[in-house]
């Protein structure tokens, strides 16, 4: 479930990045890289787990699937937090800079 969750997040982020120039301006490429990196990590983990337990890999317990789904959602949320920090630091529209250096009347 972690692999599926991050792959879906990566696909959605990539489609948004590809379709919208405004999304590219808002550094959504960083989000794509984060999610595709997480997807690659979970793919390697899935391959290693399959090599270890073979056919049992395809019949996980429901509780294990739920835990994996929560872990996948946590990774997606962490990716969003990292993207927001990058967005605040890079400040492509100058909003943060304008608020910091605004003169008080």
N, C-alpha and C. Protein backbone atom coordinates (compact mmCIF):
# COMPACT_ATOMS: atom_id res chain seq x y z
N UNK A 1 0.82 -1.19 0.00
CA UNK A 1 0.00 0.00 0.00
C UNK A 1 0.86 1.26 0.00
N UNK A 2 2.03 1.19 0.61
CA UNK A 2 2.90 2.37 0.60
C UNK A 2 3.33 2.69 -0.82
N UNK A 3 3.65 1.65 -1.57
CA UNK A 3 4.06 1.85 -2.96
C UNK A 3 2.92 2.45 -3.78
N UNK A 4 1.73 1.90 -3.64
CA UNK A 4 0.59 2.42 -4.39
C UNK A 4 0.28 3.87 -4.02
N UNK A 5 0.31 4.17 -2.74
CA UNK A 5 0.00 5.52 -2.27
C UNK A 5 0.98 6.53 -2.84
N UNK A 6 2.26 6.23 -2.77
CA UNK A 6 3.25 7.19 -3.27
C UNK A 6 3.28 7.26 -4.79
N UNK A 7 3.01 6.14 -5.47
CA UNK A 7 2.95 6.19 -6.94
C UNK A 7 1.78 7.04 -7.39
N UNK A 8 0.62 6.89 -6.76
CA UNK A 8 -0.53 7.73 -7.13
C UNK A 8 -0.24 9.20 -6.85
N UNK A 9 0.40 9.49 -5.71
CA UNK A 9 0.76 10.88 -5.40
C UNK A 9 1.75 11.41 -6.44
N UNK A 10 2.70 10.59 -6.84
CA UNK A 10 3.70 11.01 -7.83
C UNK A 10 3.04 11.27 -9.19
N UNK A 11 2.13 10.41 -9.58
CA UNK A 11 1.44 10.59 -10.86
C UNK A 11 0.60 11.87 -10.84
N UNK A 12 -0.12 12.09 -9.77
CA UNK A 12 -0.95 13.30 -9.66
C UNK A 12 -0.08 14.55 -9.67
N UNK A 13 1.01 14.53 -8.90
CA UNK A 13 1.90 15.70 -8.86
C UNK A 13 2.53 15.95 -10.22
N UNK A 14 2.89 14.89 -10.94
CA UNK A 14 3.50 15.04 -12.26
C UNK A 14 2.50 15.60 -13.27
N UNK A 15 1.27 15.12 -13.23
CA UNK A 15 0.25 15.63 -14.15
C UNK A 15 -0.02 17.11 -13.87
N UNK A 16 -0.11 17.48 -12.60
CA UNK A 16 -0.33 18.89 -12.25
C UNK A 16 0.85 19.73 -12.72
N UNK A 17 2.06 19.25 -12.50
CA UNK A 17 3.26 19.97 -12.94
C UNK A 17 3.27 20.13 -14.46
N UNK A 18 2.91 19.08 -15.18
CA UNK A 18 2.96 19.10 -16.64
C UNK A 18 1.89 20.00 -17.24
N UNK A 19 0.69 20.00 -16.66
CA UNK A 19 -0.44 20.72 -17.24
C UNK A 19 -0.44 22.21 -16.94
N UNK A 20 0.19 22.63 -15.85
CA UNK A 20 0.02 24.01 -15.39
C UNK A 20 1.36 24.75 -15.28
N UNK A 21 1.46 25.84 -16.01
CA UNK A 21 2.66 26.68 -15.90
C UNK A 21 2.73 27.33 -14.53
N UNK A 22 1.58 27.65 -13.97
CA UNK A 22 1.57 28.24 -12.63
C UNK A 22 2.07 27.24 -11.59
N UNK A 23 1.76 25.97 -11.76
CA UNK A 23 2.25 24.94 -10.84
C UNK A 23 3.77 24.82 -10.94
N UNK A 24 4.31 24.93 -12.17
CA UNK A 24 5.76 24.89 -12.32
C UNK A 24 6.40 26.09 -11.65
N UNK A 25 5.74 27.23 -11.72
CA UNK A 25 6.25 28.43 -11.06
C UNK A 25 6.26 28.27 -9.54
N UNK A 26 5.32 27.49 -9.05
CA UNK A 26 5.22 27.27 -7.60
C UNK A 26 6.06 26.08 -7.13
N UNK A 27 7.06 25.72 -7.91
CA UNK A 27 8.04 24.69 -7.55
C UNK A 27 7.42 23.30 -7.34
N UNK A 28 6.40 22.96 -8.11
CA UNK A 28 5.79 21.64 -7.96
C UNK A 28 6.71 20.52 -8.46
N UNK A 29 7.76 20.87 -9.19
CA UNK A 29 8.73 19.87 -9.61
C UNK A 29 9.43 19.23 -8.42
N UNK A 30 9.61 20.00 -7.36
CA UNK A 30 10.21 19.46 -6.14
C UNK A 30 9.31 18.37 -5.58
N UNK A 31 8.02 18.61 -5.60
CA UNK A 31 7.06 17.63 -5.11
C UNK A 31 7.10 16.36 -5.96
N UNK A 32 7.23 16.52 -7.26
CA UNK A 32 7.34 15.36 -8.15
C UNK A 32 8.57 14.52 -7.80
N UNK A 33 9.70 15.19 -7.65
CA UNK A 33 10.94 14.46 -7.32
C UNK A 33 10.82 13.73 -5.98
N UNK A 34 10.21 14.38 -4.99
CA UNK A 34 10.05 13.74 -3.69
C UNK A 34 9.19 12.49 -3.79
N UNK A 35 8.06 12.60 -4.48
CA UNK A 35 7.16 11.45 -4.58
C UNK A 35 7.71 10.34 -5.45
N UNK A 36 8.39 10.69 -6.56
CA UNK A 36 8.98 9.64 -7.37
C UNK A 36 10.13 8.96 -6.63
N UNK A 37 10.89 9.72 -5.84
CA UNK A 37 11.95 9.12 -5.03
C UNK A 37 11.39 8.17 -3.99
N UNK A 38 10.29 8.58 -3.34
CA UNK A 38 9.65 7.70 -2.36
C UNK A 38 9.10 6.45 -3.05
N UNK A 39 8.54 6.62 -4.24
CA UNK A 39 8.01 5.47 -4.98
C UNK A 39 9.13 4.49 -5.32
N UNK A 40 10.26 5.01 -5.75
CA UNK A 40 11.39 4.14 -6.06
C UNK A 40 11.87 3.41 -4.80
N UNK A 41 11.90 4.11 -3.69
CA UNK A 41 12.31 3.49 -2.43
C UNK A 41 11.37 2.35 -2.05
N UNK A 42 10.05 2.59 -2.17
CA UNK A 42 9.08 1.55 -1.82
C UNK A 42 9.12 0.39 -2.82
N UNK A 43 9.46 0.68 -4.08
CA UNK A 43 9.58 -0.39 -5.07
C UNK A 43 10.74 -1.32 -4.71
N UNK A 44 11.86 -0.75 -4.35
CA UNK A 44 13.01 -1.57 -3.92
C UNK A 44 12.65 -2.37 -2.68
N UNK A 45 11.92 -1.75 -1.75
CA UNK A 45 11.49 -2.45 -0.54
C UNK A 45 10.56 -3.61 -0.89
N UNK A 46 9.64 -3.38 -1.83
CA UNK A 46 8.71 -4.44 -2.24
C UNK A 46 9.45 -5.61 -2.89
N UNK A 47 10.43 -5.30 -3.72
CA UNK A 47 11.20 -6.37 -4.37
C UNK A 47 11.98 -7.17 -3.33
N UNK A 48 12.60 -6.46 -2.39
CA UNK A 48 13.36 -7.16 -1.35
C UNK A 48 12.45 -8.02 -0.48
N UNK A 49 11.27 -7.50 -0.15
CA UNK A 49 10.34 -8.28 0.66
C UNK A 49 9.82 -9.50 -0.11
N UNK A 50 9.56 -9.33 -1.40
CA UNK A 50 9.12 -10.47 -2.21
C UNK A 50 10.20 -11.54 -2.26
N UNK A 51 11.45 -11.13 -2.42
CA UNK A 51 12.55 -12.11 -2.46
C UNK A 51 12.69 -12.84 -1.14
N UNK A 52 12.26 -12.19 -0.06
CA UNK A 52 12.38 -12.80 1.26
C UNK A 52 11.23 -13.77 1.55
N UNK A 53 9.98 -13.35 1.25
CA UNK A 53 8.84 -14.19 1.67
C UNK A 53 8.07 -14.80 0.50
N UNK A 54 8.47 -14.52 -0.72
CA UNK A 54 7.90 -15.10 -1.95
C UNK A 54 6.39 -14.86 -2.06
N UNK A 55 5.60 -15.92 -2.24
CA UNK A 55 4.18 -15.78 -2.54
C UNK A 55 3.37 -15.14 -1.42
N UNK A 56 3.83 -15.23 -0.20
CA UNK A 56 3.11 -14.62 0.92
C UNK A 56 3.03 -13.11 0.80
N UNK A 57 3.90 -12.54 -0.01
CA UNK A 57 3.89 -11.09 -0.22
C UNK A 57 2.55 -10.61 -0.78
N UNK A 58 1.90 -11.45 -1.58
CA UNK A 58 0.66 -11.06 -2.25
C UNK A 58 -0.60 -11.30 -1.42
N UNK A 59 -0.44 -11.81 -0.21
CA UNK A 59 -1.59 -12.03 0.67
C UNK A 59 -1.33 -11.40 2.04
N UNK A 60 -1.23 -10.07 2.11
CA UNK A 60 -0.97 -9.43 3.39
C UNK A 60 -2.21 -9.44 4.29
N UNK A 61 -1.98 -9.36 5.57
CA UNK A 61 -3.08 -9.27 6.53
C UNK A 61 -3.72 -7.88 6.41
N UNK A 62 -5.02 -7.78 6.65
CA UNK A 62 -5.70 -6.47 6.54
C UNK A 62 -5.08 -5.40 7.45
N UNK A 63 -4.67 -5.79 8.64
CA UNK A 63 -4.05 -4.82 9.54
C UNK A 63 -2.72 -4.32 8.99
N UNK A 64 -1.96 -5.20 8.37
CA UNK A 64 -0.70 -4.78 7.74
C UNK A 64 -0.96 -3.82 6.59
N UNK A 65 -2.01 -4.08 5.81
CA UNK A 65 -2.35 -3.19 4.70
C UNK A 65 -2.76 -1.80 5.22
N UNK A 66 -3.52 -1.79 6.31
CA UNK A 66 -3.94 -0.51 6.89
C UNK A 66 -2.73 0.26 7.42
N UNK A 67 -1.83 -0.43 8.10
CA UNK A 67 -0.62 0.22 8.60
C UNK A 67 0.24 0.75 7.46
N UNK A 68 0.36 -0.01 6.39
CA UNK A 68 1.13 0.44 5.23
C UNK A 68 0.47 1.65 4.57
N UNK A 69 -0.85 1.65 4.53
CA UNK A 69 -1.56 2.80 3.95
C UNK A 69 -1.32 4.06 4.78
N UNK A 70 -1.38 3.94 6.10
CA UNK A 70 -1.09 5.08 6.97
C UNK A 70 0.35 5.56 6.79
N UNK A 71 1.27 4.64 6.64
CA UNK A 71 2.66 5.00 6.40
C UNK A 71 2.80 5.73 5.07
N UNK A 72 2.10 5.25 4.04
CA UNK A 72 2.12 5.93 2.75
C UNK A 72 1.55 7.34 2.83
N UNK A 73 0.44 7.49 3.55
CA UNK A 73 -0.13 8.83 3.74
C UNK A 73 0.82 9.74 4.51
N UNK A 74 1.53 9.17 5.47
CA UNK A 74 2.51 9.96 6.23
C UNK A 74 3.64 10.45 5.32
N UNK A 75 4.06 9.60 4.41
CA UNK A 75 5.12 9.99 3.47
C UNK A 75 4.61 11.09 2.54
N UNK A 76 3.38 10.97 2.09
CA UNK A 76 2.80 12.01 1.23
C UNK A 76 2.69 13.33 1.99
N UNK A 77 2.25 13.27 3.25
CA UNK A 77 2.13 14.48 4.07
C UNK A 77 3.51 15.10 4.31
N UNK A 78 4.51 14.28 4.59
CA UNK A 78 5.86 14.80 4.79
C UNK A 78 6.39 15.45 3.53
N UNK A 79 6.10 14.86 2.37
CA UNK A 79 6.49 15.47 1.10
C UNK A 79 5.85 16.84 0.92
N UNK A 80 4.58 16.96 1.29
CA UNK A 80 3.90 18.26 1.20
C UNK A 80 4.53 19.29 2.14
N UNK A 81 4.91 18.86 3.33
CA UNK A 81 5.54 19.77 4.29
C UNK A 81 6.89 20.24 3.75
N UNK A 82 7.68 19.33 3.21
CA UNK A 82 8.98 19.71 2.64
C UNK A 82 8.77 20.67 1.48
N UNK A 83 7.78 20.40 0.63
CA UNK A 83 7.48 21.30 -0.50
C UNK A 83 7.07 22.68 -0.01
N UNK A 84 6.26 22.75 1.04
CA UNK A 84 5.87 24.05 1.58
C UNK A 84 7.07 24.82 2.13
N UNK A 85 7.98 24.13 2.77
CA UNK A 85 9.18 24.80 3.28
C UNK A 85 10.02 25.33 2.12
N UNK A 86 10.19 24.51 1.08
CA UNK A 86 10.92 24.97 -0.11
C UNK A 86 10.22 26.16 -0.73
N UNK A 87 8.91 26.11 -0.80
CA UNK A 87 8.13 27.20 -1.37
C UNK A 87 8.30 28.48 -0.57
N UNK A 88 8.29 28.37 0.75
CA UNK A 88 8.47 29.56 1.59
C UNK A 88 9.88 30.12 1.48
N UNK A 89 10.87 29.27 1.36
CA UNK A 89 12.26 29.72 1.25
C UNK A 89 12.52 30.35 -0.11
N UNK A 90 12.07 29.69 -1.18
CA UNK A 90 12.30 30.23 -2.53
C UNK A 90 11.41 31.44 -2.81
N UNK A 91 10.20 31.44 -2.29
CA UNK A 91 9.25 32.56 -2.41
C UNK A 91 9.14 33.08 -3.85
N UNK A 92 8.60 32.24 -4.77
CA UNK A 92 8.59 32.61 -6.19
C UNK A 92 7.75 33.85 -6.51
N UNK A 93 6.74 34.13 -5.75
CA UNK A 93 5.89 35.30 -6.02
C UNK A 93 6.25 36.50 -5.15
N UNK A 94 7.20 36.34 -4.25
CA UNK A 94 7.65 37.45 -3.41
C UNK A 94 6.68 37.84 -2.31
N UNK A 95 5.76 36.98 -1.98
CA UNK A 95 4.76 37.29 -0.96
C UNK A 95 5.38 37.38 0.43
N UNK A 96 6.21 36.40 0.77
CA UNK A 96 6.84 36.40 2.10
C UNK A 96 7.77 37.59 2.24
N UNK A 97 8.55 37.86 1.22
CA UNK A 97 9.46 39.00 1.23
C UNK A 97 8.71 40.31 1.41
N UNK A 98 7.59 40.44 0.72
CA UNK A 98 6.79 41.67 0.82
C UNK A 98 6.23 41.84 2.22
N UNK A 99 5.79 40.75 2.83
CA UNK A 99 5.23 40.83 4.19
C UNK A 99 6.34 41.13 5.22
N UNK A 100 7.52 40.57 5.01
CA UNK A 100 8.61 40.81 5.96
C UNK A 100 9.14 42.23 5.91
N UNK A 101 9.18 42.80 4.72
CA UNK A 101 9.76 44.12 4.56
C UNK A 101 8.73 45.22 4.35
N UNK A 102 7.48 44.91 4.65
CA UNK A 102 6.43 45.94 4.50
C UNK A 102 6.60 47.00 5.57
N UNK A 103 6.46 48.24 5.16
CA UNK A 103 6.58 49.34 6.11
C UNK A 103 5.27 49.49 6.86
N UNK A 104 5.39 49.62 8.16
CA UNK A 104 4.20 49.81 8.99
C UNK A 104 3.78 51.26 8.93
N UNK A 105 2.51 51.48 8.76
CA UNK A 105 1.98 52.85 8.64
C UNK A 105 1.76 53.49 9.98
